[in-house]
Amino acid sequence: MIGRLRGTLAEKQPPHLILDVNGLGYELEVPMTTLYRLPSVGEPITLHTHLVVREDAQLLYGFIGKRDRDFFRELIRLNGVGPKLALALMSSLEVDELVRAVSAQDTSALTKVPGVGKKTAERLLVELKDRFKAWEVAPSMFALVPNQPDMPAGQVASAESDAVSALISLGYKPQEASKAVSAIKDKNLSSEDMIRRALKGMI
């Protein structure tokens, strides 16, 4: 099991990234809440990881904090929740927001996540409540990445395209993703900030 990696952030292509560890490039998929907190490409970073081995693939998931990784593991232990749905949940809501939703048994917080209907949300909340005592709400240890300086038009178009692709990978329909990104008035944003604002608009 690969539990942690430390290396240089070589590439960001939401929701994927490549981490260069002594010349070996590890491809990881991360929730958007981790993506927002990543440093610039070329900077060192440590990620807590979870490896999923399937018959047709070996998939590595990365998280900025151990708490996030542990919460991901709690989610995929639930009946009917795979890594893709777990990432969608953690991309749409911070861990603390998910914990509060569980405490309040708030189905509306989950039903706006792609792939989660009312019945699924109700079941998830009931199952998570049984594990809830171990997940006290704690202040976030990491600040969100600030807005970037002005970008050339070409980079803006690329950021919008990356944001749309990332939302589609989370399970949103292409039309929904495009509409959410197009609705962002401030075009002078990184793809990470566009994704964050688009998700907040959807939720």
C-alpha atoms as a PDB file:
ATOM      1  CA  MET A   1       0.000   0.000   0.000  1.00  0.00           C
ATOM      2  CA  ILE A   2       1.285   3.463  -0.915  1.00  0.00           C
ATOM      3  CA  GLY A   3       0.282   5.668   2.008  1.00  0.00           C
ATOM      4  CA  ARG A   4       2.193   8.882   1.382  1.00  0.00           C
ATOM      5  CA  LEU A   5       4.261  10.493  -1.348  1.00  0.00           C
ATOM      6  CA  ARG A   6       6.580  13.469  -1.221  1.00  0.00           C
ATOM      7  CA  GLY A   7       7.889  14.987  -4.408  1.00  0.00           C
ATOM      8  CA  THR A   8       7.607  17.823  -6.885  1.00  0.00           C
ATOM      9  CA  LEU A   9       4.296  18.783  -8.440  1.00  0.00           C
ATOM     10  CA  ALA A  10       5.049  18.163 -12.117  1.00  0.00           C
ATOM     11  CA  GLU A  11       1.641  18.670 -13.731  1.00  0.00           C
ATOM     12  CA  LYS A  12      -1.901  19.720 -12.856  1.00  0.00           C
ATOM     13  CA  GLN A  13      -4.770  18.683 -15.114  1.00  0.00           C
ATOM     14  CA  PRO A  14      -7.856  18.753 -12.875  1.00  0.00           C
ATOM     15  CA  PRO A  15      -8.792  16.396 -11.344  1.00  0.00           C
ATOM     16  CA  HIS A  16      -5.498  14.624 -12.099  1.00  0.00           C
ATOM     17  CA  LEU A  17      -1.954  15.546 -11.250  1.00  0.00           C
ATOM     18  CA  ILE A  18       1.504  14.065 -11.665  1.00  0.00           C
ATOM     19  CA  LEU A  19       3.890  13.977  -8.737  1.00  0.00           C
ATOM     20  CA  ASP A  20       7.571  13.563  -9.564  1.00  0.00           C
ATOM     21  CA  VAL A  21       9.239  11.456  -6.876  1.00  0.00           C
ATOM     22  CA  ASN A  22      12.957  11.107  -7.608  1.00  0.00           C
ATOM     23  CA  GLY A  23      12.307  10.990 -11.343  1.00  0.00           C
ATOM     24  CA  LEU A  24       9.314   8.639 -11.139  1.00  0.00           C
ATOM     25  CA  GLY A  25       6.016  10.259 -12.092  1.00  0.00           C
ATOM     26  CA  TYR A  26       2.993   9.142 -10.075  1.00  0.00           C
ATOM     27  CA  GLU A  27      -0.396   9.977 -11.570  1.00  0.00           C
ATOM     28  CA  LEU A  28      -2.980  10.717  -8.902  1.00  0.00           C
ATOM     29  CA  GLU A  29      -6.605  11.736  -8.866  1.00  0.00           C
ATOM     30  CA  VAL A  30      -7.528  14.255  -6.182  1.00  0.00           C
ATOM     31  CA  PRO A  31     -10.740  15.856  -4.883  1.00  0.00           C
ATOM     32  CA  MET A  32     -11.171  19.511  -5.797  1.00  0.00           C
ATOM     33  CA  THR A  33     -10.785  20.489  -2.148  1.00  0.00           C
ATOM     34  CA  THR A  34      -7.205  19.180  -2.355  1.00  0.00           C
ATOM     35  CA  LEU A  35      -6.620  20.742  -5.766  1.00  0.00           C
ATOM     36  CA  TYR A  36      -7.445  24.213  -4.402  1.00  0.00           C
ATOM     37  CA  ARG A  37      -4.637  23.895  -1.867  1.00  0.00           C
ATOM     38  CA  LEU A  38      -1.859  22.653  -4.103  1.00  0.00           C
ATOM     39  CA  PRO A  39       1.236  24.780  -4.646  1.00  0.00           C
ATOM     40  CA  SER A  40       2.388  25.912  -8.090  1.00  0.00           C
ATOM     41  CA  VAL A  41       3.817  23.416 -10.563  1.00  0.00           C
ATOM     42  CA  GLY A  42       7.476  22.838  -9.752  1.00  0.00           C
ATOM     43  CA  GLU A  43       6.974  23.193  -5.996  1.00  0.00           C
ATOM     44  CA  PRO A  44       7.445  20.368  -3.445  1.00  0.00           C
ATOM     45  CA  ILE A  45       4.368  18.759  -1.933  1.00  0.00           C
ATOM     46  CA  THR A  46       3.477  15.848   0.349  1.00  0.00           C
ATOM     47  CA  LEU A  47       0.233  13.976  -0.315  1.00  0.00           C
ATOM     48  CA  HIS A  48      -1.475  11.264   1.691  1.00  0.00           C
ATOM     49  CA  THR A  49      -2.570   8.552  -0.706  1.00  0.00           C
ATOM     50  CA  HIS A  50      -4.908   5.618  -1.127  1.00  0.00           C
ATOM     51  CA  LEU A  51      -4.266   2.892  -3.704  1.00  0.00           C
ATOM     52  CA  VAL A  52      -7.149   1.036  -5.350  1.00  0.00           C
ATOM     53  CA  VAL A  53      -6.236  -2.153  -7.224  1.00  0.00           C
ATOM     54  CA  ARG A  54      -8.720  -3.436  -9.776  1.00  0.00           C
ATOM     55  CA  GLU A  55      -8.494  -6.155 -12.392  1.00  0.00           C
ATOM     56  CA  ASP A  56      -8.044  -3.584 -15.145  1.00  0.00           C
ATOM     57  CA  ALA A  57      -6.219  -0.772 -13.350  1.00  0.00           C
ATOM     58  CA  GLN A  58      -4.305   0.469 -10.334  1.00  0.00           C
ATOM     59  CA  LEU A  59      -5.627   3.871  -9.251  1.00  0.00           C
ATOM     60  CA  LEU A  60      -3.906   6.223  -6.840  1.00  0.00           C
ATOM     61  CA  TYR A  61      -5.860   8.926  -5.003  1.00  0.00           C
ATOM     62  CA  GLY A  62      -4.177  11.842  -3.256  1.00  0.00           C
ATOM     63  CA  PHE A  63      -5.199  14.140  -0.410  1.00  0.00           C
ATOM     64  CA  ILE A  64      -3.592  17.240   1.087  1.00  0.00           C
ATOM     65  CA  GLY A  65      -4.317  16.058   4.630  1.00  0.00           C
ATOM     66  CA  LYS A  66      -4.458  12.713   6.403  1.00  0.00           C
ATOM     67  CA  ARG A  67      -7.915  13.577   7.742  1.00  0.00           C
ATOM     68  CA  ASP A  68      -9.238  13.972   4.197  1.00  0.00           C
ATOM     69  CA  ARG A  69      -7.698  10.643   3.169  1.00  0.00           C
ATOM     70  CA  ASP A  70      -9.229   8.913   6.195  1.00  0.00           C
ATOM     71  CA  PHE A  71     -12.644  10.406   5.420  1.00  0.00           C
ATOM     72  CA  PHE A  72     -12.346   9.139   1.836  1.00  0.00           C
ATOM     73  CA  ARG A  73     -11.713   5.669   3.243  1.00  0.00           C
ATOM     74  CA  GLU A  74     -14.794   5.949   5.434  1.00  0.00           C
ATOM     75  CA  LEU A  75     -16.896   6.873   2.402  1.00  0.00           C
ATOM     76  CA  ILE A  76     -15.739   4.003   0.190  1.00  0.00           C
ATOM     77  CA  ARG A  77     -16.514   1.529   2.977  1.00  0.00           C
ATOM     78  CA  LEU A  78     -20.185   2.422   2.608  1.00  0.00           C
ATOM     79  CA  ASN A  79     -22.422   0.233   0.507  1.00  0.00           C
ATOM     80  CA  GLY A  80     -22.691   1.551  -3.049  1.00  0.00           C
ATOM     81  CA  VAL A  81     -19.994   4.222  -2.689  1.00  0.00           C
ATOM     82  CA  GLY A  82     -16.971   3.843  -4.930  1.00  0.00           C
ATOM     83  CA  PRO A  83     -13.958   6.125  -5.294  1.00  0.00           C
ATOM     84  CA  LYS A  84     -15.623   8.215  -8.021  1.00  0.00           C
ATOM     85  CA  LEU A  85     -18.670   9.058  -5.903  1.00  0.00           C
ATOM     86  CA  ALA A  86     -16.500   9.638  -2.833  1.00  0.00           C
ATOM     87  CA  LEU A  87     -14.379  12.143  -4.783  1.00  0.00           C
ATOM     88  CA  ALA A  88     -17.515  13.859  -6.081  1.00  0.00           C
ATOM     89  CA  LEU A  89     -18.812  14.260  -2.529  1.00  0.00           C
ATOM     90  CA  MET A  90     -15.477  15.565  -1.256  1.00  0.00           C
ATOM     91  CA  SER A  91     -15.109  17.884  -4.248  1.00  0.00           C
ATOM     92  CA  SER A  92     -18.498  19.486  -3.749  1.00  0.00           C
ATOM     93  CA  LEU A  93     -18.260  19.810   0.028  1.00  0.00           C
ATOM     94  CA  GLU A  94     -15.397  20.252   2.477  1.00  0.00           C
ATOM     95  CA  VAL A  95     -15.013  17.430   5.013  1.00  0.00           C
ATOM     96  CA  ASP A  96     -16.345  19.698   7.768  1.00  0.00           C
ATOM     97  CA  GLU A  97     -19.384  20.552   5.632  1.00  0.00           C
ATOM     98  CA  LEU A  98     -20.047  16.844   5.073  1.00  0.00           C
ATOM     99  CA  VAL A  99     -19.714  16.199   8.793  1.00  0.00           C
ATOM    100  CA  ARG A 100     -22.221  18.960   9.555  1.00  0.00           C
ATOM    101  CA  ALA A 101     -24.618  17.545   6.953  1.00  0.00           C
ATOM    102  CA  VAL A 102     -24.392  14.145   8.636  1.00  0.00           C
ATOM    103  CA  SER A 103     -24.995  15.664  12.069  1.00  0.00           C
ATOM    104  CA  ALA A 104     -28.055  17.546  10.797  1.00  0.00           C
ATOM    105  CA  GLN A 105     -29.163  14.656   8.541  1.00  0.00           C
ATOM    106  CA  ASP A 106     -29.399  17.247   5.753  1.00  0.00           C
ATOM    107  CA  THR A 107     -30.195  15.397   2.521  1.00  0.00           C
ATOM    108  CA  SER A 108     -30.315  18.611   0.484  1.00  0.00           C
ATOM    109  CA  ALA A 109     -26.574  19.081   0.999  1.00  0.00           C
ATOM    110  CA  LEU A 110     -25.905  15.793  -0.788  1.00  0.00           C
ATOM    111  CA  THR A 111     -28.582  15.590  -3.474  1.00  0.00           C
ATOM    112  CA  LYS A 112     -26.956  18.312  -5.572  1.00  0.00           C
ATOM    113  CA  VAL A 113     -23.862  16.140  -5.952  1.00  0.00           C
ATOM    114  CA  PRO A 114     -23.973  14.228  -9.270  1.00  0.00           C
ATOM    115  CA  GLY A 115     -24.939  10.597  -8.747  1.00  0.00           C
ATOM    116  CA  VAL A 116     -26.683  11.203  -5.415  1.00  0.00           C
ATOM    117  CA  GLY A 117     -30.471  11.043  -5.374  1.00  0.00           C
ATOM    118  CA  LYS A 118     -32.696  11.548  -2.352  1.00  0.00           C
ATOM    119  CA  LYS A 119     -32.796   7.861  -1.388  1.00  0.00           C
ATOM    120  CA  THR A 120     -29.040   7.513  -1.744  1.00  0.00           C
ATOM    121  CA  ALA A 121     -28.488  10.673   0.306  1.00  0.00           C
ATOM    122  CA  GLU A 122     -30.772   9.420   3.080  1.00  0.00           C
ATOM    123  CA  ARG A 123     -28.993   6.050   3.184  1.00  0.00           C
ATOM    124  CA  LEU A 124     -25.542   7.643   3.223  1.00  0.00           C
ATOM    125  CA  LEU A 125     -26.495   9.995   6.049  1.00  0.00           C
ATOM    126  CA  VAL A 126     -27.858   7.136   8.161  1.00  0.00           C
ATOM    127  CA  GLU A 127     -24.787   4.971   7.588  1.00  0.00           C
ATOM    128  CA  LEU A 128     -22.360   7.841   8.200  1.00  0.00           C
ATOM    129  CA  LYS A 129     -24.142   8.886  11.406  1.00  0.00           C
ATOM    130  CA  ASP A 130     -23.125   5.555  12.952  1.00  0.00           C
ATOM    131  CA  ARG A 131     -19.489   6.539  12.394  1.00  0.00           C
ATOM    132  CA  PHE A 132     -19.985  10.211  13.176  1.00  0.00           C
ATOM    133  CA  LYS A 133     -18.510  10.399  16.691  1.00  0.00           C
ATOM    134  CA  ALA A 134     -15.002   9.986  15.304  1.00  0.00           C
ATOM    135  CA  TRP A 135     -15.443  12.983  13.016  1.00  0.00           C
ATOM    136  CA  GLU A 136     -15.644  16.101  15.131  1.00  0.00           C
ATOM    137  CA  VAL A 137     -15.747  19.327  13.173  1.00  0.00           C
ATOM    138  CA  ALA A 138     -12.329  20.955  13.255  1.00  0.00           C
ATOM    139  CA  PRO A 139     -11.146  24.243  11.705  1.00  0.00           C
ATOM    140  CA  SER A 140      -9.560  23.807   8.302  1.00  0.00           C
ATOM    141  CA  MET A 141      -5.766  23.755   8.477  1.00  0.00           C
ATOM    142  CA  PHE A 142      -5.301  25.093   4.982  1.00  0.00           C
ATOM    143  CA  ALA A 143      -6.409  28.327   3.364  1.00  0.00           C
ATOM    144  CA  LEU A 144      -7.830  28.270  -0.121  1.00  0.00           C
ATOM    145  CA  VAL A 145      -5.526  29.310  -2.923  1.00  0.00           C
ATOM    146  CA  PRO A 146      -5.887  33.059  -3.590  1.00  0.00           C
ATOM    147  CA  ASN A 147      -6.850  34.421  -6.956  1.00  0.00           C
ATOM    148  CA  GLN A 148      -4.052  34.521  -9.496  1.00  0.00           C
ATOM    149  CA  PRO A 149      -2.715  37.641 -11.288  1.00  0.00           C
ATOM    150  CA  ASP A 150      -4.146  38.698 -14.637  1.00  0.00           C
ATOM    151  CA  MET A 151      -3.815  36.003 -17.294  1.00  0.00           C
ATOM    152  CA  PRO A 152      -3.587  36.322 -21.082  1.00  0.00           C
ATOM    153  CA  ALA A 153      -6.728  35.455 -23.056  1.00  0.00           C
ATOM    154  CA  GLY A 154      -5.273  32.132 -24.176  1.00  0.00           C
ATOM    155  CA  GLN A 155      -4.648  31.058 -20.608  1.00  0.00           C
ATOM    156  CA  VAL A 156      -8.154  32.147 -19.612  1.00  0.00           C
ATOM    157  CA  ALA A 157      -9.641  29.933 -22.330  1.00  0.00           C
ATOM    158  CA  SER A 158      -7.450  27.048 -21.175  1.00  0.00           C
ATOM    159  CA  ALA A 159      -8.508  27.560 -17.550  1.00  0.00           C
ATOM    160  CA  GLU A 160     -12.176  27.501 -18.561  1.00  0.00           C
ATOM    161  CA  SER A 161     -11.649  24.321 -20.583  1.00  0.00           C
ATOM    162  CA  ASP A 162      -9.831  22.639 -17.686  1.00  0.00           C
ATOM    163  CA  ALA A 163     -12.619  23.648 -15.297  1.00  0.00           C
ATOM    164  CA  VAL A 164     -15.325  22.224 -17.564  1.00  0.00           C
ATOM    165  CA  SER A 165     -13.391  18.970 -18.006  1.00  0.00           C
ATOM    166  CA  ALA A 166     -12.925  18.630 -14.257  1.00  0.00           C
ATOM    167  CA  LEU A 167     -16.644  19.113 -13.573  1.00  0.00           C
ATOM    168  CA  ILE A 168     -17.530  16.527 -16.215  1.00  0.00           C
ATOM    169  CA  SER A 169     -15.119  14.065 -14.603  1.00  0.00           C
ATOM    170  CA  LEU A 170     -17.017  14.528 -11.334  1.00  0.00           C
ATOM    171  CA  GLY A 171     -20.217  13.381 -13.012  1.00  0.00           C
ATOM    172  CA  TYR A 172     -21.844  16.629 -14.111  1.00  0.00           C
ATOM    173  CA  LYS A 173     -23.360  16.693 -17.587  1.00  0.00           C
ATOM    174  CA  PRO A 174     -21.345  18.635 -20.199  1.00  0.00           C
ATOM    175  CA  GLN A 175     -24.131  21.203 -20.567  1.00  0.00           C
ATOM    176  CA  GLU A 176     -24.288  21.727 -16.794  1.00  0.00           C
ATOM    177  CA  ALA A 177     -20.513  22.078 -16.547  1.00  0.00           C
ATOM    178  CA  SER A 178     -20.292  24.561 -19.420  1.00  0.00           C
ATOM    179  CA  LYS A 179     -23.181  26.614 -18.076  1.00  0.00           C
ATOM    180  CA  ALA A 180     -21.701  26.764 -14.577  1.00  0.00           C
ATOM    181  CA  VAL A 181     -18.293  27.898 -15.834  1.00  0.00           C
ATOM    182  CA  SER A 182     -19.782  30.393 -18.285  1.00  0.00           C
ATOM    183  CA  ALA A 183     -21.799  31.948 -15.449  1.00  0.00           C
ATOM    184  CA  ILE A 184     -18.625  33.012 -13.653  1.00  0.00           C
ATOM    185  CA  LYS A 185     -18.298  36.732 -14.285  1.00  0.00           C
ATOM    186  CA  ASP A 186     -14.665  37.043 -13.282  1.00  0.00           C
ATOM    187  CA  LYS A 187     -12.735  35.359 -16.106  1.00  0.00           C
ATOM    188  CA  ASN A 188      -9.363  36.262 -14.646  1.00  0.00           C
ATOM    189  CA  LEU A 189      -9.178  33.113 -12.509  1.00  0.00           C
ATOM    190  CA  SER A 190      -7.107  29.959 -12.403  1.00  0.00           C
ATOM    191  CA  SER A 191      -8.852  26.718 -13.331  1.00  0.00           C
ATOM    192  CA  GLU A 192      -8.880  25.774  -9.632  1.00  0.00           C
ATOM    193  CA  ASP A 193     -10.733  28.951  -8.665  1.00  0.00           C
ATOM    194  CA  MET A 194     -13.162  28.505 -11.566  1.00  0.00           C
ATOM    195  CA  ILE A 195     -13.923  24.957 -10.421  1.00  0.00           C
ATOM    196  CA  ARG A 196     -14.461  26.114  -6.841  1.00  0.00           C
ATOM    197  CA  ARG A 197     -16.845  28.911  -7.847  1.00  0.00           C
ATOM    198  CA  ALA A 198     -18.705  26.697 -10.316  1.00  0.00           C
ATOM    199  CA  LEU A 199     -19.212  24.001  -7.662  1.00  0.00           C
ATOM    200  CA  LYS A 200     -20.405  26.548  -5.117  1.00  0.00           C
ATOM    201  CA  GLY A 201     -22.864  27.859  -7.711  1.00  0.00           C
ATOM    202  CA  MET A 202     -24.188  24.350  -8.294  1.00  0.00           C
ATOM    203  CA  ILE A 203     -24.495  23.543  -4.605  1.00  0.00           C
END
